[in-house]
N, C-alpha and C. Protein backbone atom coordinates (compact mmCIF):
# COMPACT_ATOMS: atom_id res chain seq x y z
N UNK A 1 21.63 -2.54 20.67
CA UNK A 1 21.52 -1.47 19.70
C UNK A 1 20.77 -1.97 18.47
N UNK A 2 20.41 -1.06 17.59
CA UNK A 2 19.73 -1.40 16.36
C UNK A 2 20.17 -0.50 15.24
N UNK A 3 19.57 -0.65 14.13
CA UNK A 3 19.88 0.15 12.95
C UNK A 3 19.61 1.62 13.26
N UNK A 4 20.59 2.47 13.03
CA UNK A 4 20.47 3.89 13.34
C UNK A 4 19.71 4.64 12.25
N UNK A 5 18.99 5.68 12.63
CA UNK A 5 18.42 6.58 11.64
C UNK A 5 19.55 7.23 10.85
N UNK A 6 19.32 7.53 9.58
CA UNK A 6 20.34 8.20 8.79
C UNK A 6 20.22 7.94 7.31
N UNK A 7 21.26 8.34 6.59
CA UNK A 7 21.36 8.18 5.15
C UNK A 7 22.15 6.91 4.84
N UNK A 8 21.60 6.07 3.96
CA UNK A 8 22.19 4.78 3.63
C UNK A 8 22.39 4.60 2.13
N UNK A 9 23.45 3.92 1.78
CA UNK A 9 23.63 3.42 0.42
C UNK A 9 22.82 2.14 0.32
N UNK A 10 22.09 1.97 -0.79
CA UNK A 10 21.30 0.77 -1.02
C UNK A 10 21.89 0.04 -2.22
N UNK A 11 22.12 -1.25 -2.08
CA UNK A 11 22.48 -2.08 -3.23
C UNK A 11 21.50 -3.24 -3.28
N UNK A 12 21.12 -3.62 -4.50
CA UNK A 12 20.12 -4.67 -4.64
C UNK A 12 20.36 -5.46 -5.91
N UNK A 13 19.87 -6.71 -5.90
CA UNK A 13 20.04 -7.55 -7.08
C UNK A 13 18.97 -8.61 -7.16
N UNK A 14 18.71 -9.00 -8.39
CA UNK A 14 17.87 -10.14 -8.73
C UNK A 14 18.59 -10.87 -9.86
N UNK A 15 18.08 -11.99 -10.32
CA UNK A 15 18.68 -12.63 -11.49
C UNK A 15 18.64 -11.74 -12.74
N UNK A 16 17.83 -10.68 -12.74
CA UNK A 16 17.74 -9.78 -13.90
C UNK A 16 18.79 -8.68 -13.89
N UNK A 17 19.45 -8.44 -12.74
CA UNK A 17 20.46 -7.39 -12.69
C UNK A 17 20.73 -6.88 -11.30
N UNK A 18 21.57 -5.84 -11.25
CA UNK A 18 21.93 -5.20 -9.98
C UNK A 18 21.62 -3.71 -10.08
N UNK A 19 21.49 -3.06 -8.92
CA UNK A 19 21.24 -1.63 -8.89
C UNK A 19 21.70 -1.02 -7.58
N UNK A 20 21.73 0.32 -7.58
CA UNK A 20 22.20 1.06 -6.42
C UNK A 20 21.36 2.31 -6.24
N UNK A 21 21.22 2.76 -5.02
CA UNK A 21 20.50 3.99 -4.73
C UNK A 21 20.85 4.47 -3.34
N UNK A 22 20.05 5.39 -2.84
CA UNK A 22 20.20 5.89 -1.47
C UNK A 22 18.85 5.86 -0.78
N UNK A 23 18.87 5.77 0.54
CA UNK A 23 17.64 5.78 1.32
C UNK A 23 17.90 6.47 2.65
N UNK A 24 16.87 7.14 3.14
CA UNK A 24 16.91 7.74 4.47
C UNK A 24 16.00 6.91 5.36
N UNK A 25 16.54 6.43 6.47
CA UNK A 25 15.77 5.70 7.47
C UNK A 25 15.52 6.64 8.64
N UNK A 26 14.26 6.70 9.07
CA UNK A 26 13.92 7.60 10.17
C UNK A 26 12.74 7.02 10.94
N UNK A 27 13.03 6.41 12.07
CA UNK A 27 11.98 5.95 12.99
C UNK A 27 10.97 5.00 12.38
N UNK A 28 11.40 4.09 11.54
CA UNK A 28 10.50 3.11 10.95
C UNK A 28 10.03 3.45 9.55
N UNK A 29 10.43 4.60 9.03
CA UNK A 29 10.07 5.00 7.67
C UNK A 29 11.33 4.99 6.80
N UNK A 30 11.17 4.52 5.56
CA UNK A 30 12.26 4.52 4.59
C UNK A 30 11.81 5.31 3.36
N UNK A 31 12.64 6.29 2.95
CA UNK A 31 12.40 7.08 1.74
C UNK A 31 13.69 7.08 0.94
N UNK A 32 13.61 6.88 -0.36
CA UNK A 32 14.84 6.89 -1.14
C UNK A 32 14.59 6.78 -2.62
N UNK A 33 15.66 6.49 -3.35
CA UNK A 33 15.52 6.33 -4.78
C UNK A 33 16.85 6.20 -5.49
N UNK A 34 16.74 6.11 -6.81
CA UNK A 34 17.90 6.08 -7.68
C UNK A 34 17.58 6.94 -8.90
N UNK A 35 18.26 6.74 -10.03
CA UNK A 35 18.08 7.63 -11.17
C UNK A 35 16.71 7.54 -11.83
N UNK A 36 15.96 6.45 -11.59
CA UNK A 36 14.66 6.34 -12.23
C UNK A 36 13.52 5.86 -11.32
N UNK A 37 13.84 5.32 -10.17
CA UNK A 37 12.83 4.74 -9.27
C UNK A 37 12.92 5.41 -7.90
N UNK A 38 11.75 5.68 -7.28
CA UNK A 38 11.77 6.11 -5.88
C UNK A 38 11.19 5.01 -5.01
N UNK A 39 11.61 4.99 -3.73
CA UNK A 39 11.21 3.96 -2.77
C UNK A 39 10.54 4.64 -1.58
N UNK A 40 9.43 4.09 -1.13
CA UNK A 40 8.71 4.57 0.05
C UNK A 40 8.25 3.36 0.83
N UNK A 41 8.53 3.34 2.13
CA UNK A 41 8.07 2.19 2.89
C UNK A 41 8.28 2.32 4.38
N UNK A 42 8.04 1.20 5.04
CA UNK A 42 8.16 1.11 6.48
C UNK A 42 8.98 -0.12 6.84
N UNK A 43 9.64 -0.05 7.98
CA UNK A 43 10.40 -1.19 8.47
C UNK A 43 10.19 -1.32 9.97
N UNK A 44 10.38 -2.55 10.45
CA UNK A 44 10.25 -2.85 11.88
C UNK A 44 11.49 -3.61 12.31
N UNK A 45 12.10 -3.14 13.39
CA UNK A 45 13.25 -3.82 13.98
C UNK A 45 12.80 -4.63 15.18
N UNK A 46 13.27 -5.85 15.28
CA UNK A 46 12.99 -6.71 16.42
C UNK A 46 14.31 -7.39 16.78
N UNK A 47 15.07 -6.77 17.67
CA UNK A 47 16.40 -7.26 17.97
C UNK A 47 17.27 -7.10 16.73
N UNK A 48 17.88 -8.18 16.29
CA UNK A 48 18.72 -8.14 15.09
C UNK A 48 17.97 -8.46 13.81
N UNK A 49 16.65 -8.61 13.89
CA UNK A 49 15.85 -8.92 12.71
C UNK A 49 15.13 -7.66 12.22
N UNK A 50 15.10 -7.48 10.92
CA UNK A 50 14.40 -6.34 10.32
C UNK A 50 13.45 -6.86 9.25
N UNK A 51 12.25 -6.33 9.24
CA UNK A 51 11.29 -6.64 8.18
C UNK A 51 10.82 -5.32 7.59
N UNK A 52 10.53 -5.34 6.29
CA UNK A 52 10.16 -4.10 5.61
C UNK A 52 9.16 -4.38 4.50
N UNK A 53 8.33 -3.38 4.24
CA UNK A 53 7.47 -3.39 3.06
C UNK A 53 7.74 -2.07 2.35
N UNK A 54 8.24 -2.18 1.12
CA UNK A 54 8.69 -1.03 0.35
C UNK A 54 7.94 -0.99 -0.98
N UNK A 55 7.37 0.15 -1.30
CA UNK A 55 6.73 0.36 -2.60
C UNK A 55 7.71 1.11 -3.49
N UNK A 56 7.87 0.64 -4.72
CA UNK A 56 8.72 1.33 -5.68
C UNK A 56 7.86 1.82 -6.83
N UNK A 57 8.29 2.94 -7.41
CA UNK A 57 7.56 3.51 -8.53
C UNK A 57 8.53 4.34 -9.37
N UNK A 58 8.31 4.39 -10.65
CA UNK A 58 9.17 5.15 -11.55
C UNK A 58 8.88 6.65 -11.45
N UNK A 59 9.95 7.46 -11.36
CA UNK A 59 9.79 8.92 -11.40
C UNK A 59 10.30 9.49 -12.71
N UNK A 60 11.21 8.78 -13.41
CA UNK A 60 11.77 9.24 -14.68
C UNK A 60 12.10 8.04 -15.55
N UNK A 61 11.73 8.13 -16.80
CA UNK A 61 12.10 7.07 -17.75
C UNK A 61 13.52 7.35 -18.22
N UNK A 62 14.45 6.49 -17.84
CA UNK A 62 15.86 6.66 -18.19
C UNK A 62 16.24 5.58 -19.19
N UNK A 63 16.64 5.98 -20.39
CA UNK A 63 17.02 5.03 -21.43
C UNK A 63 18.16 4.14 -20.94
N UNK A 64 17.99 2.84 -21.07
CA UNK A 64 19.01 1.88 -20.67
C UNK A 64 18.96 1.49 -19.20
N UNK A 65 18.06 2.09 -18.45
CA UNK A 65 17.94 1.77 -17.03
C UNK A 65 16.67 0.95 -16.82
N UNK A 66 16.83 -0.33 -16.64
CA UNK A 66 15.69 -1.24 -16.46
C UNK A 66 15.61 -1.67 -15.00
N UNK A 67 14.43 -1.84 -14.50
CA UNK A 67 14.22 -2.30 -13.13
C UNK A 67 14.73 -3.74 -12.99
N UNK A 68 15.38 -4.02 -11.87
CA UNK A 68 15.86 -5.38 -11.60
C UNK A 68 14.70 -6.33 -11.30
N UNK A 69 13.48 -5.78 -11.19
CA UNK A 69 12.29 -6.60 -10.97
C UNK A 69 11.53 -6.87 -12.25
N UNK A 70 11.91 -6.20 -13.34
CA UNK A 70 11.19 -6.36 -14.59
C UNK A 70 9.95 -5.49 -14.67
N UNK A 71 9.69 -4.70 -13.64
CA UNK A 71 8.57 -3.77 -13.60
C UNK A 71 8.99 -2.55 -12.80
N UNK A 72 8.46 -1.39 -13.14
CA UNK A 72 8.84 -0.16 -12.44
C UNK A 72 7.89 0.19 -11.30
N UNK A 73 6.86 -0.62 -11.11
CA UNK A 73 5.94 -0.45 -9.98
C UNK A 73 5.79 -1.78 -9.27
N UNK A 74 6.09 -1.78 -7.97
CA UNK A 74 6.00 -3.04 -7.23
C UNK A 74 5.99 -2.76 -5.74
N UNK A 75 5.58 -3.76 -4.98
CA UNK A 75 5.66 -3.74 -3.52
C UNK A 75 6.53 -4.91 -3.09
N UNK A 76 7.62 -4.58 -2.42
CA UNK A 76 8.57 -5.58 -1.93
C UNK A 76 8.28 -5.90 -0.47
N UNK A 77 8.34 -7.18 -0.14
CA UNK A 77 8.29 -7.62 1.26
C UNK A 77 9.64 -8.24 1.55
N UNK A 78 10.34 -7.70 2.54
CA UNK A 78 11.72 -8.08 2.82
C UNK A 78 11.89 -8.45 4.28
N UNK A 79 12.81 -9.38 4.54
CA UNK A 79 13.19 -9.78 5.89
C UNK A 79 14.69 -9.94 5.90
N UNK A 80 15.32 -9.57 7.02
CA UNK A 80 16.76 -9.71 7.07
C UNK A 80 17.33 -9.49 8.45
N UNK A 81 18.63 -9.25 8.46
CA UNK A 81 19.36 -9.01 9.70
C UNK A 81 19.89 -7.58 9.69
N UNK A 82 19.92 -6.98 10.88
CA UNK A 82 20.37 -5.59 11.00
C UNK A 82 21.40 -5.46 12.10
N UNK A 83 22.42 -4.68 11.82
CA UNK A 83 23.41 -4.29 12.82
C UNK A 83 23.25 -2.81 13.10
N UNK A 84 24.27 -2.18 13.68
CA UNK A 84 24.19 -0.76 14.00
C UNK A 84 24.19 0.12 12.74
N UNK A 85 24.97 -0.26 11.74
CA UNK A 85 25.14 0.60 10.56
C UNK A 85 24.90 -0.11 9.24
N UNK A 86 24.27 -1.28 9.27
CA UNK A 86 24.02 -2.00 8.02
C UNK A 86 22.90 -3.01 8.21
N UNK A 87 22.37 -3.45 7.07
CA UNK A 87 21.33 -4.49 7.08
C UNK A 87 21.41 -5.26 5.77
N UNK A 88 21.00 -6.52 5.82
CA UNK A 88 20.91 -7.37 4.63
C UNK A 88 19.52 -7.98 4.59
N UNK A 89 18.92 -7.98 3.40
CA UNK A 89 17.56 -8.44 3.21
C UNK A 89 17.46 -9.48 2.10
N UNK A 90 16.44 -10.32 2.21
CA UNK A 90 15.98 -11.14 1.09
C UNK A 90 14.47 -10.97 1.03
N UNK A 91 13.90 -11.22 -0.13
CA UNK A 91 12.46 -11.11 -0.27
C UNK A 91 12.04 -11.19 -1.71
N UNK A 92 10.81 -10.75 -1.95
CA UNK A 92 10.29 -10.74 -3.31
C UNK A 92 9.17 -9.72 -3.42
N UNK A 93 8.79 -9.45 -4.66
CA UNK A 93 7.68 -8.55 -4.94
C UNK A 93 6.52 -9.38 -5.45
N UNK A 94 5.32 -9.05 -5.01
CA UNK A 94 4.16 -9.80 -5.49
C UNK A 94 3.95 -9.62 -6.99
N UNK A 95 4.46 -8.52 -7.55
CA UNK A 95 4.35 -8.27 -8.99
C UNK A 95 5.36 -9.07 -9.80
N UNK A 96 6.33 -9.69 -9.12
CA UNK A 96 7.34 -10.52 -9.78
C UNK A 96 7.52 -11.81 -8.98
N UNK A 97 6.46 -12.62 -8.87
CA UNK A 97 6.52 -13.81 -8.02
C UNK A 97 7.63 -14.77 -8.46
N UNK A 98 8.32 -15.30 -7.47
CA UNK A 98 9.38 -16.27 -7.73
C UNK A 98 10.72 -15.65 -8.08
N UNK A 99 10.78 -14.33 -8.24
CA UNK A 99 12.03 -13.65 -8.56
C UNK A 99 12.71 -13.25 -7.25
N UNK A 100 13.80 -13.93 -6.91
CA UNK A 100 14.51 -13.67 -5.66
C UNK A 100 15.13 -12.27 -5.68
N UNK A 101 14.95 -11.54 -4.58
CA UNK A 101 15.45 -10.17 -4.44
C UNK A 101 16.34 -10.13 -3.22
N UNK A 102 17.53 -9.55 -3.38
CA UNK A 102 18.45 -9.36 -2.25
C UNK A 102 18.86 -7.90 -2.21
N UNK A 103 19.00 -7.37 -1.00
CA UNK A 103 19.39 -5.96 -0.85
C UNK A 103 20.24 -5.79 0.40
N UNK A 104 21.03 -4.74 0.39
CA UNK A 104 21.79 -4.37 1.59
C UNK A 104 21.79 -2.86 1.76
N UNK A 105 21.85 -2.45 3.01
CA UNK A 105 21.95 -1.04 3.38
C UNK A 105 23.26 -0.83 4.11
N UNK A 106 23.96 0.24 3.77
CA UNK A 106 25.19 0.62 4.47
C UNK A 106 25.11 2.10 4.83
N UNK A 107 25.24 2.40 6.11
CA UNK A 107 25.07 3.78 6.59
C UNK A 107 26.17 4.67 6.05
N UNK A 108 25.76 5.84 5.52
CA UNK A 108 26.69 6.86 5.03
C UNK A 108 26.85 7.98 6.05
N UNK A 109 25.74 8.44 6.65
CA UNK A 109 25.74 9.52 7.66
C UNK A 109 24.61 9.32 8.63
């Protein structure tokens, strides 16, 4: 089995902070967002391994809400492990080199 299509809770962190959002996975495409950033990207499953390239961009300037990457526009390259209803990733954004990024997905529906 592999990661199922559906609605997922997203949690992510860097040394600059933590954040949460939602994402819809559907046949290799990921769409989602949070209160100020939207996410668009693609992922590939290979057994229990998942790789993804996700572009983030600001949709609303929210006072007190800062990106955990230090920038509101970036492209993340992520690799991780996937089960039936969850995945864990590590990676980085080329716009924030050297800043470790970790994320997890947990299926909601």
